[in-house]
Amino acid sequence: MSDNRNDGPRAPDGDWLGTPFLTFTREGPFAICTLDRPQARNAMTPAMYFGIRYAISRVNADPDLAGLMITGTGDVFAPGGDLGKTAGDDWMDFAATMGMDVTPFDLLRQSAKPVVSAVNGLCQGGGLQIALCSDLAVVSDRATFRVPELFRGIADTYYSQVLARLIGPVRTRDLMFTGRTLTADEALDWGMVARLVSHDDLIDVAKELLAQCCRTAPAARGVVKASLDNYLGLFDRIGMNASMFGPEAREGFRAFKQRTSPDWVHPELRIDGRL
């Protein structure tokens, strides 16, 4: 990796992903993309979302790489977007830069080469979408999962579409309407993740599963992947985009930054701190 990666904006080249908060390392036939922003608990900027997208494309274009692993640092995999907009690599307007041409979710579902998420801790929002859209999600026994978008005023139709296919509409309502936190055991039981392992074994197991995926025939695997992608289906992009620019999302962002309940919450139901 270049030593002058903080010298200002420039197009991604080599193994630089366009932000100091992602690393791209090579271990034999694998690339490992690590979210590395511990000072903000890996809160993801648009540049980080795009960097993961670029990492997927880079692996698919590199004949020396067979697959990609995505993981995080410390006790956090990915908590979703940085609504506070505090990063040095931040872009002008968070909502305007969160379209599907920036986020990696659809590209993960389409990737010709296998992608395994090694979920090392807290996983919610866009981080959980990364795990769900990977070919496999291997999770630490310390991991937790949450879908907080409705607390932010965002009608996340990606979640309502994909989760309903994976865990059913009843559990999808439970997750989305209550914002409850799932343990790693519950996520495994619900069918949200593929494997649950001890924290110390996470990376080794994720690498072994990635190796197993990479040994399958790529063309045949692609046909199966396309069939599964068709089952997951499309989500309401127009409705979700309209929601992200609507008054509830603006109020949700305000409440998030000020650590209060949004004004749509009944006064008797408001709590101290952020929802």
C-alpha atoms as a PDB file:
ATOM      1  CA  MET A   1       0.000   0.000   0.000  1.00  0.00           C
ATOM      2  CA  SER A   2       1.219   3.474  -0.779  1.00  0.00           C
ATOM      3  CA  ASP A   3       2.780   5.408   2.121  1.00  0.00           C
ATOM      4  CA  ASN A   4       1.303   8.698   0.900  1.00  0.00           C
ATOM      5  CA  ARG A   5      -2.313   7.603   0.966  1.00  0.00           C
ATOM      6  CA  ASN A   6      -3.386  10.708   2.927  1.00  0.00           C
ATOM      7  CA  ASP A   7      -1.906  13.203   0.471  1.00  0.00           C
ATOM      8  CA  GLY A   8      -5.319  14.220  -0.795  1.00  0.00           C
ATOM      9  CA  PRO A   9      -8.052  12.890  -3.072  1.00  0.00           C
ATOM     10  CA  ARG A  10      -7.039  10.796  -6.029  1.00  0.00           C
ATOM     11  CA  ALA A  11      -8.453   7.979  -8.070  1.00  0.00           C
ATOM     12  CA  PRO A  12      -7.953   4.481  -6.624  1.00  0.00           C
ATOM     13  CA  ASP A  13      -4.882   2.690  -7.920  1.00  0.00           C
ATOM     14  CA  GLY A  14      -2.901  -0.331  -6.865  1.00  0.00           C
ATOM     15  CA  ASP A  15      -4.306  -1.683  -3.629  1.00  0.00           C
ATOM     16  CA  TRP A  16      -5.520   1.702  -2.404  1.00  0.00           C
ATOM     17  CA  LEU A  17      -9.321   1.801  -2.078  1.00  0.00           C
ATOM     18  CA  GLY A  18      -9.766   5.570  -2.039  1.00  0.00           C
ATOM     19  CA  THR A  19     -10.062   6.035   1.735  1.00  0.00           C
ATOM     20  CA  PRO A  20      -7.663   5.633   4.677  1.00  0.00           C
ATOM     21  CA  PHE A  21     -10.387   3.737   6.540  1.00  0.00           C
ATOM     22  CA  LEU A  22     -10.172   0.585   4.401  1.00  0.00           C
ATOM     23  CA  THR A  23      -7.209  -1.702   3.875  1.00  0.00           C
ATOM     24  CA  PHE A  24      -6.765  -4.162   1.019  1.00  0.00           C
ATOM     25  CA  THR A  25      -4.229  -6.893   1.691  1.00  0.00           C
ATOM     26  CA  ARG A  26      -3.258 -10.012  -0.238  1.00  0.00           C
ATOM     27  CA  GLU A  27      -2.756 -13.417   1.351  1.00  0.00           C
ATOM     28  CA  GLY A  28      -1.969 -15.912  -1.370  1.00  0.00           C
ATOM     29  CA  PRO A  29      -5.046 -16.295  -3.596  1.00  0.00           C
ATOM     30  CA  PHE A  30      -7.236 -14.148  -1.337  1.00  0.00           C
ATOM     31  CA  ALA A  31      -7.791 -10.442  -0.864  1.00  0.00           C
ATOM     32  CA  ILE A  32      -8.841  -9.201   2.571  1.00  0.00           C
ATOM     33  CA  CYS A  33     -10.718  -5.917   2.811  1.00  0.00           C
ATOM     34  CA  THR A  34     -10.745  -4.608   6.389  1.00  0.00           C
ATOM     35  CA  LEU A  35     -12.846  -1.771   7.750  1.00  0.00           C
ATOM     36  CA  ASP A  36     -10.363   0.136   9.884  1.00  0.00           C
ATOM     37  CA  ARG A  37     -11.876   3.212  11.503  1.00  0.00           C
ATOM     38  CA  PRO A  38     -11.778   2.348  15.205  1.00  0.00           C
ATOM     39  CA  GLN A  39     -12.054   5.969  16.329  1.00  0.00           C
ATOM     40  CA  ALA A  40     -15.617   5.990  14.950  1.00  0.00           C
ATOM     41  CA  ARG A  41     -16.368   2.298  15.561  1.00  0.00           C
ATOM     42  CA  ASN A  42     -16.088   1.671  11.806  1.00  0.00           C
ATOM     43  CA  ALA A  43     -18.999   3.977  10.925  1.00  0.00           C
ATOM     44  CA  MET A  44     -19.047   3.926   7.146  1.00  0.00           C
ATOM     45  CA  THR A  45     -18.639   6.980   4.965  1.00  0.00           C
ATOM     46  CA  PRO A  46     -19.788   6.965   1.330  1.00  0.00           C
ATOM     47  CA  ALA A  47     -16.114   6.633   0.381  1.00  0.00           C
ATOM     48  CA  MET A  48     -15.878   3.462   2.468  1.00  0.00           C
ATOM     49  CA  TYR A  49     -18.990   1.993   0.854  1.00  0.00           C
ATOM     50  CA  PHE A  50     -17.559   2.797  -2.572  1.00  0.00           C
ATOM     51  CA  GLY A  51     -14.165   1.403  -1.558  1.00  0.00           C
ATOM     52  CA  ILE A  52     -15.731  -1.972  -0.756  1.00  0.00           C
ATOM     53  CA  ARG A  53     -17.455  -1.844  -4.125  1.00  0.00           C
ATOM     54  CA  TYR A  54     -14.108  -1.139  -5.753  1.00  0.00           C
ATOM     55  CA  ALA A  55     -12.474  -4.007  -3.836  1.00  0.00           C
ATOM     56  CA  ILE A  56     -15.046  -6.442  -5.241  1.00  0.00           C
ATOM     57  CA  SER A  57     -14.432  -5.212  -8.788  1.00  0.00           C
ATOM     58  CA  ARG A  58     -10.677  -5.360  -8.282  1.00  0.00           C
ATOM     59  CA  VAL A  59     -10.773  -8.976  -7.123  1.00  0.00           C
ATOM     60  CA  ASN A  60     -13.002  -9.985 -10.031  1.00  0.00           C
ATOM     61  CA  ALA A  61     -10.592  -8.353 -12.494  1.00  0.00           C
ATOM     62  CA  ASP A  62      -7.385  -9.805 -11.014  1.00  0.00           C
ATOM     63  CA  PRO A  63      -6.438 -13.297 -12.273  1.00  0.00           C
ATOM     64  CA  ASP A  64      -4.096 -13.744  -9.309  1.00  0.00           C
ATOM     65  CA  LEU A  65      -6.978 -13.493  -6.812  1.00  0.00           C
ATOM     66  CA  ALA A  66      -9.591 -16.196  -6.282  1.00  0.00           C
ATOM     67  CA  GLY A  67     -11.841 -14.602  -3.663  1.00  0.00           C
ATOM     68  CA  LEU A  68     -12.441 -11.799  -1.195  1.00  0.00           C
ATOM     69  CA  MET A  69     -12.930 -11.695   2.567  1.00  0.00           C
ATOM     70  CA  ILE A  70     -14.460  -8.645   4.275  1.00  0.00           C
ATOM     71  CA  THR A  71     -13.967  -8.047   7.987  1.00  0.00           C
ATOM     72  CA  GLY A  72     -13.604  -5.289  10.575  1.00  0.00           C
ATOM     73  CA  THR A  73     -11.274  -4.203  13.355  1.00  0.00           C
ATOM     74  CA  GLY A  74     -11.676  -4.551  17.099  1.00  0.00           C
ATOM     75  CA  ASP A  75     -15.148  -5.503  18.293  1.00  0.00           C
ATOM     76  CA  VAL A  76     -16.997  -3.949  15.329  1.00  0.00           C
ATOM     77  CA  PHE A  77     -17.646  -5.332  11.855  1.00  0.00           C
ATOM     78  CA  ALA A  78     -19.689  -2.437  10.463  1.00  0.00           C
ATOM     79  CA  PRO A  79     -22.412  -0.348  12.122  1.00  0.00           C
ATOM     80  CA  GLY A  80     -23.756   1.208   8.930  1.00  0.00           C
ATOM     81  CA  GLY A  81     -23.420   4.717   7.614  1.00  0.00           C
ATOM     82  CA  ASP A  82     -21.748   7.605   9.422  1.00  0.00           C
ATOM     83  CA  LEU A  83     -24.781   9.814   9.869  1.00  0.00           C
ATOM     84  CA  GLY A  84     -22.733  12.274  11.897  1.00  0.00           C
ATOM     85  CA  LYS A  85     -20.543  13.049   8.844  1.00  0.00           C
ATOM     86  CA  THR A  86     -17.361  13.455  10.876  1.00  0.00           C
ATOM     87  CA  ALA A  87     -14.775  11.777   8.644  1.00  0.00           C
ATOM     88  CA  GLY A  88     -11.935  13.352   6.712  1.00  0.00           C
ATOM     89  CA  ASP A  89     -12.950  11.449   3.575  1.00  0.00           C
ATOM     90  CA  ASP A  90     -16.588  12.550   3.801  1.00  0.00           C
ATOM     91  CA  TRP A  91     -18.564  13.483   0.691  1.00  0.00           C
ATOM     92  CA  MET A  92     -20.918  16.437   0.393  1.00  0.00           C
ATOM     93  CA  ASP A  93     -24.341  14.905   0.967  1.00  0.00           C
ATOM     94  CA  PHE A  94     -24.703  11.506   2.642  1.00  0.00           C
ATOM     95  CA  ALA A  95     -28.165  10.704   1.243  1.00  0.00           C
ATOM     96  CA  ALA A  96     -27.274  11.859  -2.276  1.00  0.00           C
ATOM     97  CA  THR A  97     -24.233   9.582  -2.360  1.00  0.00           C
ATOM     98  CA  MET A  98     -25.911   6.449  -1.040  1.00  0.00           C
ATOM     99  CA  GLY A  99     -27.437   5.199  -4.284  1.00  0.00           C
ATOM    100  CA  MET A 100     -26.747   1.758  -5.680  1.00  0.00           C
ATOM    101  CA  ASP A 101     -23.916   3.135  -7.821  1.00  0.00           C
ATOM    102  CA  VAL A 102     -21.968   3.775  -4.586  1.00  0.00           C
ATOM    103  CA  THR A 103     -23.036   1.048  -2.165  1.00  0.00           C
ATOM    104  CA  PRO A 104     -21.703  -2.479  -2.753  1.00  0.00           C
ATOM    105  CA  PHE A 105     -24.804  -4.547  -2.006  1.00  0.00           C
ATOM    106  CA  ASP A 106     -25.923  -5.423  -5.529  1.00  0.00           C
ATOM    107  CA  LEU A 107     -22.320  -5.923  -6.659  1.00  0.00           C
ATOM    108  CA  LEU A 108     -21.824  -8.408  -3.827  1.00  0.00           C
ATOM    109  CA  ARG A 109     -24.819 -10.361  -5.061  1.00  0.00           C
ATOM    110  CA  GLN A 110     -23.401 -10.345  -8.600  1.00  0.00           C
ATOM    111  CA  SER A 111     -19.717 -11.009  -7.846  1.00  0.00           C
ATOM    112  CA  ALA A 112     -18.283 -13.745 -10.050  1.00  0.00           C
ATOM    113  CA  LYS A 113     -15.682 -14.621  -7.414  1.00  0.00           C
ATOM    114  CA  PRO A 114     -16.711 -15.729  -3.936  1.00  0.00           C
ATOM    115  CA  VAL A 115     -17.013 -13.193  -1.116  1.00  0.00           C
ATOM    116  CA  VAL A 116     -17.086 -14.224   2.541  1.00  0.00           C
ATOM    117  CA  SER A 117     -17.836 -11.796   5.377  1.00  0.00           C
ATOM    118  CA  ALA A 118     -16.018 -12.517   8.640  1.00  0.00           C
ATOM    119  CA  VAL A 119     -18.273 -10.718  11.121  1.00  0.00           C
ATOM    120  CA  ASN A 120     -16.094  -9.987  14.137  1.00  0.00           C
ATOM    121  CA  GLY A 121     -18.536  -7.927  16.236  1.00  0.00           C
ATOM    122  CA  LEU A 122     -21.273  -5.297  16.011  1.00  0.00           C
ATOM    123  CA  CYS A 123     -23.066  -5.603  12.668  1.00  0.00           C
ATOM    124  CA  GLN A 124     -26.016  -3.427  11.747  1.00  0.00           C
ATOM    125  CA  GLY A 125     -27.433  -1.140   9.060  1.00  0.00           C
ATOM    126  CA  GLY A 126     -25.349  -1.244   5.907  1.00  0.00           C
ATOM    127  CA  GLY A 127     -22.894  -3.568   7.633  1.00  0.00           C
ATOM    128  CA  LEU A 128     -25.560  -6.227   8.016  1.00  0.00           C
ATOM    129  CA  GLN A 129     -26.516  -5.767   4.360  1.00  0.00           C
ATOM    130  CA  ILE A 130     -22.889  -6.464   3.408  1.00  0.00           C
ATOM    131  CA  ALA A 131     -22.994  -9.679   5.435  1.00  0.00           C
ATOM    132  CA  LEU A 132     -26.354 -10.738   3.968  1.00  0.00           C
ATOM    133  CA  CYS A 133     -25.291 -10.062   0.376  1.00  0.00           C
ATOM    134  CA  SER A 134     -21.981 -11.914   0.687  1.00  0.00           C
ATOM    135  CA  ASP A 135     -21.882 -15.505  -0.468  1.00  0.00           C
ATOM    136  CA  LEU A 136     -21.318 -16.629   3.119  1.00  0.00           C
ATOM    137  CA  ALA A 137     -21.305 -14.837   6.464  1.00  0.00           C
ATOM    138  CA  VAL A 138     -19.174 -16.412   9.187  1.00  0.00           C
ATOM    139  CA  VAL A 139     -19.734 -14.769  12.554  1.00  0.00           C
ATOM    140  CA  SER A 140     -17.947 -14.553  15.861  1.00  0.00           C
ATOM    141  CA  ASP A 141     -19.777 -15.644  18.969  1.00  0.00           C
ATOM    142  CA  ARG A 142     -19.373 -12.000  20.067  1.00  0.00           C
ATOM    143  CA  ALA A 143     -21.284 -10.604  17.080  1.00  0.00           C
ATOM    144  CA  THR A 144     -24.610  -8.795  17.401  1.00  0.00           C
ATOM    145  CA  PHE A 145     -27.068  -7.715  14.716  1.00  0.00           C
ATOM    146  CA  ARG A 146     -29.612  -4.911  14.382  1.00  0.00           C
ATOM    147  CA  VAL A 147     -31.725  -3.132  11.746  1.00  0.00           C
ATOM    148  CA  PRO A 148     -32.189   0.463  13.061  1.00  0.00           C
ATOM    149  CA  GLU A 149     -33.232   2.185   9.818  1.00  0.00           C
ATOM    150  CA  LEU A 150     -36.830   2.918  10.848  1.00  0.00           C
ATOM    151  CA  PHE A 151     -35.490   4.807  13.883  1.00  0.00           C
ATOM    152  CA  ARG A 152     -33.685   7.041  11.361  1.00  0.00           C
ATOM    153  CA  GLY A 153     -36.779   7.704   9.259  1.00  0.00           C
ATOM    154  CA  ILE A 154     -35.575   5.567   6.338  1.00  0.00           C
ATOM    155  CA  ALA A 155     -37.925   3.143   4.590  1.00  0.00           C
ATOM    156  CA  ASP A 156     -35.248   0.559   3.837  1.00  0.00           C
ATOM    157  CA  THR A 157     -37.007  -1.549   1.241  1.00  0.00           C
ATOM    158  CA  TYR A 158     -33.788  -3.465   0.587  1.00  0.00           C
ATOM    159  CA  TYR A 159     -34.109  -4.986   4.039  1.00  0.00           C
ATOM    160  CA  SER A 160     -37.852  -5.573   3.810  1.00  0.00           C
ATOM    161  CA  GLN A 161     -37.306  -7.391   0.499  1.00  0.00           C
ATOM    162  CA  VAL A 162     -34.235  -9.476   1.297  1.00  0.00           C
ATOM    163  CA  LEU A 163     -34.937 -10.272   4.937  1.00  0.00           C
ATOM    164  CA  ALA A 164     -38.449 -11.473   4.142  1.00  0.00           C
ATOM    165  CA  ARG A 165     -36.931 -13.974   1.695  1.00  0.00           C
ATOM    166  CA  LEU A 166     -34.274 -15.115   4.176  1.00  0.00           C
ATOM    167  CA  ILE A 167     -36.064 -15.236   7.531  1.00  0.00           C
ATOM    168  CA  GLY A 168     -39.738 -14.717   6.656  1.00  0.00           C
ATOM    169  CA  PRO A 169     -42.061 -11.721   7.067  1.00  0.00           C
ATOM    170  CA  VAL A 170     -42.867 -12.330  10.746  1.00  0.00           C
ATOM    171  CA  ARG A 171     -39.248 -12.163  11.877  1.00  0.00           C
ATOM    172  CA  THR A 172     -38.589  -9.303   9.440  1.00  0.00           C
ATOM    173  CA  ARG A 173     -41.293  -7.243  11.123  1.00  0.00           C
ATOM    174  CA  ASP A 174     -39.846  -8.135  14.507  1.00  0.00           C
ATOM    175  CA  LEU A 175     -36.378  -6.913  13.507  1.00  0.00           C
ATOM    176  CA  MET A 176     -37.437  -3.805  11.615  1.00  0.00           C
ATOM    177  CA  PHE A 177     -40.344  -2.569  13.743  1.00  0.00           C
ATOM    178  CA  THR A 178     -38.694  -3.056  17.143  1.00  0.00           C
ATOM    179  CA  GLY A 179     -35.059  -2.447  16.273  1.00  0.00           C
ATOM    180  CA  ARG A 180     -34.158  -5.322  18.595  1.00  0.00           C
ATOM    181  CA  THR A 181     -30.619  -6.643  18.852  1.00  0.00           C
ATOM    182  CA  LEU A 182     -30.010 -10.238  17.808  1.00  0.00           C
ATOM    183  CA  THR A 183     -27.237 -12.336  19.312  1.00  0.00           C
ATOM    184  CA  ALA A 184     -24.997 -14.456  17.120  1.00  0.00           C
ATOM    185  CA  ASP A 185     -26.844 -17.587  18.268  1.00  0.00           C
ATOM    186  CA  GLU A 186     -30.197 -16.079  17.293  1.00  0.00           C
ATOM    187  CA  ALA A 187     -28.878 -14.955  13.901  1.00  0.00           C
ATOM    188  CA  LEU A 188     -27.689 -18.494  13.201  1.00  0.00           C
ATOM    189  CA  ASP A 189     -30.984 -19.987  14.364  1.00  0.00           C
ATOM    190  CA  TRP A 190     -32.946 -17.553  12.173  1.00  0.00           C
ATOM    191  CA  GLY A 191     -30.887 -18.415   9.079  1.00  0.00           C
ATOM    192  CA  MET A 192     -29.331 -14.960   8.684  1.00  0.00           C
ATOM    193  CA  VAL A 193     -25.738 -16.270   8.785  1.00  0.00           C
ATOM    194  CA  ALA A 194     -24.021 -19.436   7.630  1.00  0.00           C
ATOM    195  CA  ARG A 195     -21.618 -20.320  10.441  1.00  0.00           C
ATOM    196  CA  LEU A 196     -21.043 -19.356  14.074  1.00  0.00           C
ATOM    197  CA  VAL A 197     -17.531 -19.873  15.473  1.00  0.00           C
ATOM    198  CA  SER A 198     -15.498 -18.830  18.474  1.00  0.00           C
ATOM    199  CA  HIS A 199     -14.062 -15.348  18.117  1.00  0.00           C
ATOM    200  CA  ASP A 200     -10.465 -16.569  18.080  1.00  0.00           C
ATOM    201  CA  ASP A 201     -11.191 -18.979  15.209  1.00  0.00           C
ATOM    202  CA  LEU A 202     -13.138 -16.511  13.044  1.00  0.00           C
ATOM    203  CA  ILE A 203     -10.524 -15.518  10.482  1.00  0.00           C
ATOM    204  CA  ASP A 204      -9.119 -19.027  10.030  1.00  0.00           C
ATOM    205  CA  VAL A 205     -12.589 -20.515   9.522  1.00  0.00           C
ATOM    206  CA  ALA A 206     -13.578 -17.712   7.131  1.00  0.00           C
ATOM    207  CA  LYS A 207     -10.451 -18.339   5.042  1.00  0.00           C
ATOM    208  CA  GLU A 208     -11.127 -22.068   4.924  1.00  0.00           C
ATOM    209  CA  LEU A 209     -14.740 -21.544   3.831  1.00  0.00           C
ATOM    210  CA  LEU A 210     -13.604 -19.030   1.215  1.00  0.00           C
ATOM    211  CA  ALA A 211     -11.131 -21.632  -0.072  1.00  0.00           C
ATOM    212  CA  GLN A 212     -13.909 -24.212  -0.294  1.00  0.00           C
ATOM    213  CA  CYS A 213     -16.098 -21.792  -2.272  1.00  0.00           C
ATOM    214  CA  CYS A 214     -13.220 -20.974  -4.609  1.00  0.00           C
ATOM    215  CA  ARG A 215     -12.743 -24.659  -5.459  1.00  0.00           C
ATOM    216  CA  THR A 216     -16.216 -24.903  -7.024  1.00  0.00           C
ATOM    217  CA  ALA A 217     -16.612 -24.574 -10.794  1.00  0.00           C
ATOM    218  CA  PRO A 218     -16.979 -20.837 -11.524  1.00  0.00           C
ATOM    219  CA  ALA A 219     -19.430 -21.039 -14.432  1.00  0.00           C
ATOM    220  CA  ALA A 220     -21.704 -23.532 -12.658  1.00  0.00           C
ATOM    221  CA  ARG A 221     -21.434 -21.524  -9.439  1.00  0.00           C
ATOM    222  CA  GLY A 222     -22.455 -18.417 -11.367  1.00  0.00           C
ATOM    223  CA  VAL A 223     -25.622 -20.106 -12.637  1.00  0.00           C
ATOM    224  CA  VAL A 224     -26.571 -21.111  -9.082  1.00  0.00           C
ATOM    225  CA  LYS A 225     -25.767 -17.620  -7.834  1.00  0.00           C
ATOM    226  CA  ALA A 226     -27.981 -16.079 -10.509  1.00  0.00           C
ATOM    227  CA  SER A 227     -30.827 -18.378  -9.507  1.00  0.00           C
ATOM    228  CA  LEU A 228     -30.463 -17.379  -5.851  1.00  0.00           C
ATOM    229  CA  ASP A 229     -30.244 -13.712  -6.792  1.00  0.00           C
ATOM    230  CA  ASN A 230     -33.483 -14.045  -8.739  1.00  0.00           C
ATOM    231  CA  TYR A 231     -35.123 -15.555  -5.645  1.00  0.00           C
ATOM    232  CA  LEU A 232     -34.039 -12.584  -3.501  1.00  0.00           C
ATOM    233  CA  GLY A 233     -35.610 -10.294  -6.092  1.00  0.00           C
ATOM    234  CA  LEU A 234     -35.647  -6.535  -6.585  1.00  0.00           C
ATOM    235  CA  PHE A 235     -36.520  -3.915  -4.004  1.00  0.00           C
ATOM    236  CA  ASP A 236     -38.448  -0.659  -4.300  1.00  0.00           C
ATOM    237  CA  ARG A 237     -35.602   1.696  -5.247  1.00  0.00           C
ATOM    238  CA  ILE A 238     -37.887   4.643  -6.028  1.00  0.00           C
ATOM    239  CA  GLY A 239     -39.723   4.451  -2.721  1.00  0.00           C
ATOM    240  CA  MET A 240     -36.519   4.049  -0.716  1.00  0.00           C
ATOM    241  CA  ASN A 241     -34.809   6.967  -2.464  1.00  0.00           C
ATOM    242  CA  ALA A 242     -37.831   9.181  -1.861  1.00  0.00           C
ATOM    243  CA  SER A 243     -37.735   8.219   1.813  1.00  0.00           C
ATOM    244  CA  MET A 244     -34.047   9.084   2.170  1.00  0.00           C
ATOM    245  CA  PHE A 245     -34.725  12.641   1.000  1.00  0.00           C
ATOM    246  CA  GLY A 246     -37.995  13.027   2.913  1.00  0.00           C
ATOM    247  CA  PRO A 247     -38.802  14.885   6.135  1.00  0.00           C
ATOM    248  CA  GLU A 248     -38.669  11.797   8.357  1.00  0.00           C
ATOM    249  CA  ALA A 249     -35.103  10.996   7.282  1.00  0.00           C
ATOM    250  CA  ARG A 250     -34.051  14.600   7.956  1.00  0.00           C
ATOM    251  CA  GLU A 251     -35.602  14.398  11.421  1.00  0.00           C
ATOM    252  CA  GLY A 252     -34.033  10.973  11.969  1.00  0.00           C
ATOM    253  CA  PHE A 253     -30.572  12.330  11.086  1.00  0.00           C
ATOM    254  CA  ARG A 254     -31.088  15.307  13.405  1.00  0.00           C
ATOM    255  CA  ALA A 255     -32.138  13.094  16.291  1.00  0.00           C
ATOM    256  CA  PHE A 256     -29.215  10.745  15.685  1.00  0.00           C
ATOM    257  CA  LYS A 257     -26.661  13.556  15.805  1.00  0.00           C
ATOM    258  CA  GLN A 258     -28.258  15.192  18.848  1.00  0.00           C
ATOM    259  CA  ARG A 259     -28.784  11.847  20.629  1.00  0.00           C
ATOM    260  CA  THR A 260     -32.493  12.377  21.188  1.00  0.00           C
ATOM    261  CA  SER A 261     -35.705  10.636  20.208  1.00  0.00           C
ATOM    262  CA  PRO A 262     -37.163  11.887  16.892  1.00  0.00           C
ATOM    263  CA  ASP A 263     -40.153  14.198  17.170  1.00  0.00           C
ATOM    264  CA  TRP A 264     -42.513  11.561  15.733  1.00  0.00           C
ATOM    265  CA  VAL A 265     -42.146   9.591  18.979  1.00  0.00           C
ATOM    266  CA  HIS A 266     -44.995  10.235  21.447  1.00  0.00           C
ATOM    267  CA  PRO A 267     -43.678  12.360  24.360  1.00  0.00           C
ATOM    268  CA  GLU A 268     -44.413   9.589  26.857  1.00  0.00           C
ATOM    269  CA  LEU A 269     -42.400   7.089  24.789  1.00  0.00           C
ATOM    270  CA  ARG A 270     -39.247   9.129  24.295  1.00  0.00           C
ATOM    271  CA  ILE A 271     -36.086   7.881  25.961  1.00  0.00           C
ATOM    272  CA  ASP A 272     -32.858   9.509  27.031  1.00  0.00           C
ATOM    273  CA  GLY A 273     -30.219   9.174  24.358  1.00  0.00           C
ATOM    274  CA  ARG A 274     -30.305   7.843  20.834  1.00  0.00           C
ATOM    275  CA  LEU A 275     -32.753   5.170  19.662  1.00  0.00           C
END
